[in-house]
Amino acid sequence: MTSVKIRPIGYRLIVKPETVEEKVGSIYIPDEAKDQKQWKQSKGEVVAMGELAFTTGTPGKEDYIVFPNRPKVGDVVMFREYAGYAWKDEDGTRFATLNDDDVMGVEIADE
């Protein structure tokens, strides 16, 4: 699990996109193409979530609902391509800050 030094607020979450393969078969992918594909990735691990992510209504009121099937930190989620804000930390690790409504599904772990 990756530790990130930024805490998302509100309905946002931080995802670490899956890495792109260095080569396909015996053909190496050029760095420029690999970099473009990396930012396009649409699957990644949730590393942090805002306190309101995957909720609706007003906290403390009877209309407040926490989605029962919401992802948690460590889950792998599928999200829209190019969604959110892509950035790197000081180590060069890539992250994406997404709104919770950009997430389309949670990967089911093999049991």
Protein backbone atom coordinates (compact mmCIF):
# COMPACT_ATOMS: atom_id res chain seq x y z
CA MET A 1 0.00 0.00 0.00
CA THR A 2 1.19 3.49 -0.83
CA SER A 3 1.22 6.28 1.69
CA VAL A 4 0.35 9.65 0.23
CA LYS A 5 0.94 12.95 2.03
CA ILE A 6 -2.24 14.61 0.79
CA ARG A 7 -5.68 14.07 2.35
CA PRO A 8 -8.56 14.55 -0.09
CA ILE A 9 -11.53 16.59 1.08
CA GLY A 10 -15.25 16.29 0.47
CA TYR A 11 -16.32 13.89 -2.24
CA ARG A 12 -12.81 13.25 -3.62
CA LEU A 13 -10.52 10.27 -3.51
CA ILE A 14 -6.92 9.65 -4.49
CA VAL A 15 -6.15 6.67 -6.70
CA LYS A 16 -2.80 5.22 -7.75
CA PRO A 17 -3.31 4.08 -11.37
CA GLU A 18 -1.99 0.68 -12.40
CA THR A 19 1.37 0.76 -14.11
CA VAL A 20 1.74 0.34 -17.86
CA GLU A 21 3.78 -2.55 -19.23
CA GLU A 22 7.28 -1.73 -20.52
CA LYS A 23 6.90 -3.99 -23.54
CA VAL A 24 4.33 -5.94 -25.50
CA GLY A 25 5.71 -9.30 -26.54
CA SER A 26 9.25 -8.50 -27.66
CA ILE A 27 8.48 -4.89 -28.64
CA TYR A 28 9.40 -2.14 -26.18
CA ILE A 29 6.91 0.70 -25.80
CA PRO A 30 8.53 4.15 -26.26
CA ASP A 31 8.57 6.32 -23.10
CA GLU A 32 6.35 8.98 -24.68
CA ALA A 33 3.63 6.46 -25.62
CA LYS A 34 3.93 4.76 -22.23
CA ASP A 35 3.56 8.14 -20.48
CA GLN A 36 0.42 9.02 -22.46
CA LYS A 37 -1.11 5.61 -21.78
CA GLN A 38 -0.26 5.87 -18.07
CA TRP A 39 -2.35 9.04 -17.68
CA LYS A 40 -5.17 7.35 -19.62
CA GLN A 41 -5.32 4.38 -17.24
CA SER A 42 -8.79 3.73 -15.92
CA LYS A 43 -8.06 1.31 -13.09
CA GLY A 44 -6.19 1.86 -9.86
CA GLU A 45 -5.87 1.40 -6.11
CA VAL A 46 -7.65 3.75 -3.71
CA VAL A 47 -5.03 5.27 -1.39
CA ALA A 48 -7.14 7.94 0.37
CA MET A 49 -10.77 9.08 0.53
CA GLY A 50 -12.48 12.28 1.61
CA GLU A 51 -14.95 12.11 4.48
CA LEU A 52 -17.98 12.62 2.20
CA ALA A 53 -16.95 10.29 -0.63
CA PHE A 54 -19.76 7.94 -1.63
CA THR A 55 -22.38 9.61 0.56
CA THR A 56 -25.43 11.72 -0.17
CA GLY A 57 -27.47 14.13 1.89
CA THR A 58 -26.39 16.16 4.92
CA PRO A 59 -24.30 14.52 7.67
CA GLY A 60 -26.30 14.35 10.90
CA LYS A 61 -29.68 14.63 9.14
CA GLU A 62 -32.08 11.81 8.34
CA ASP A 63 -31.46 12.21 4.57
CA TYR A 64 -27.76 11.29 5.01
CA ILE A 65 -26.89 8.00 3.28
CA VAL A 66 -23.54 6.21 3.12
CA PHE A 67 -23.44 3.97 0.05
CA PRO A 68 -23.19 0.38 1.36
CA ASN A 69 -21.04 -0.88 -1.54
CA ARG A 70 -18.56 1.99 -1.50
CA PRO A 71 -14.88 1.18 -1.98
CA LYS A 72 -12.39 1.46 0.85
CA VAL A 73 -8.69 2.28 0.94
CA GLY A 74 -6.80 -0.58 -0.72
CA ASP A 75 -9.60 -1.52 -3.13
CA VAL A 76 -9.02 -1.45 -6.89
CA VAL A 77 -11.55 0.71 -8.72
CA MET A 78 -12.45 1.34 -12.33
CA PHE A 79 -12.91 5.00 -13.31
CA ARG A 80 -13.46 7.13 -16.40
CA GLU A 81 -10.47 7.59 -18.70
CA TYR A 82 -8.72 10.94 -18.18
CA ALA A 83 -10.97 11.60 -15.16
CA GLY A 84 -9.90 13.91 -12.38
CA TYR A 85 -6.58 15.60 -11.84
CA ALA A 86 -3.40 13.61 -12.60
CA TRP A 87 -0.24 14.44 -10.62
CA LYS A 88 3.04 13.03 -9.32
CA ASP A 89 4.42 13.17 -5.79
CA GLU A 90 8.01 14.12 -5.03
CA ASP A 91 9.13 10.49 -5.63
CA GLY A 92 7.59 10.53 -9.13
CA THR A 93 4.72 8.19 -8.19
CA ARG A 94 1.61 8.90 -10.27
CA PHE A 95 -1.76 9.60 -8.68
CA ALA A 96 -5.18 10.80 -9.78
CA THR A 97 -7.54 12.84 -7.63
CA LEU A 98 -11.10 11.91 -8.62
CA ASN A 99 -14.61 12.86 -7.64
CA ASP A 100 -16.52 9.89 -6.25
CA ASP A 101 -18.92 9.96 -9.21
CA ASP A 102 -16.00 9.25 -11.59
CA VAL A 103 -15.73 5.75 -10.08
CA MET A 104 -17.75 3.20 -12.03
CA GLY A 105 -16.97 -0.02 -10.18
CA VAL A 106 -14.92 -1.87 -7.57
CA GLU A 107 -12.86 -4.92 -8.45
CA ILE A 108 -14.07 -8.04 -6.65
CA ALA A 109 -11.27 -9.86 -4.87
CA ASP A 110 -10.82 -13.57 -5.58
CA GLU A 111 -11.92 -15.63 -2.62
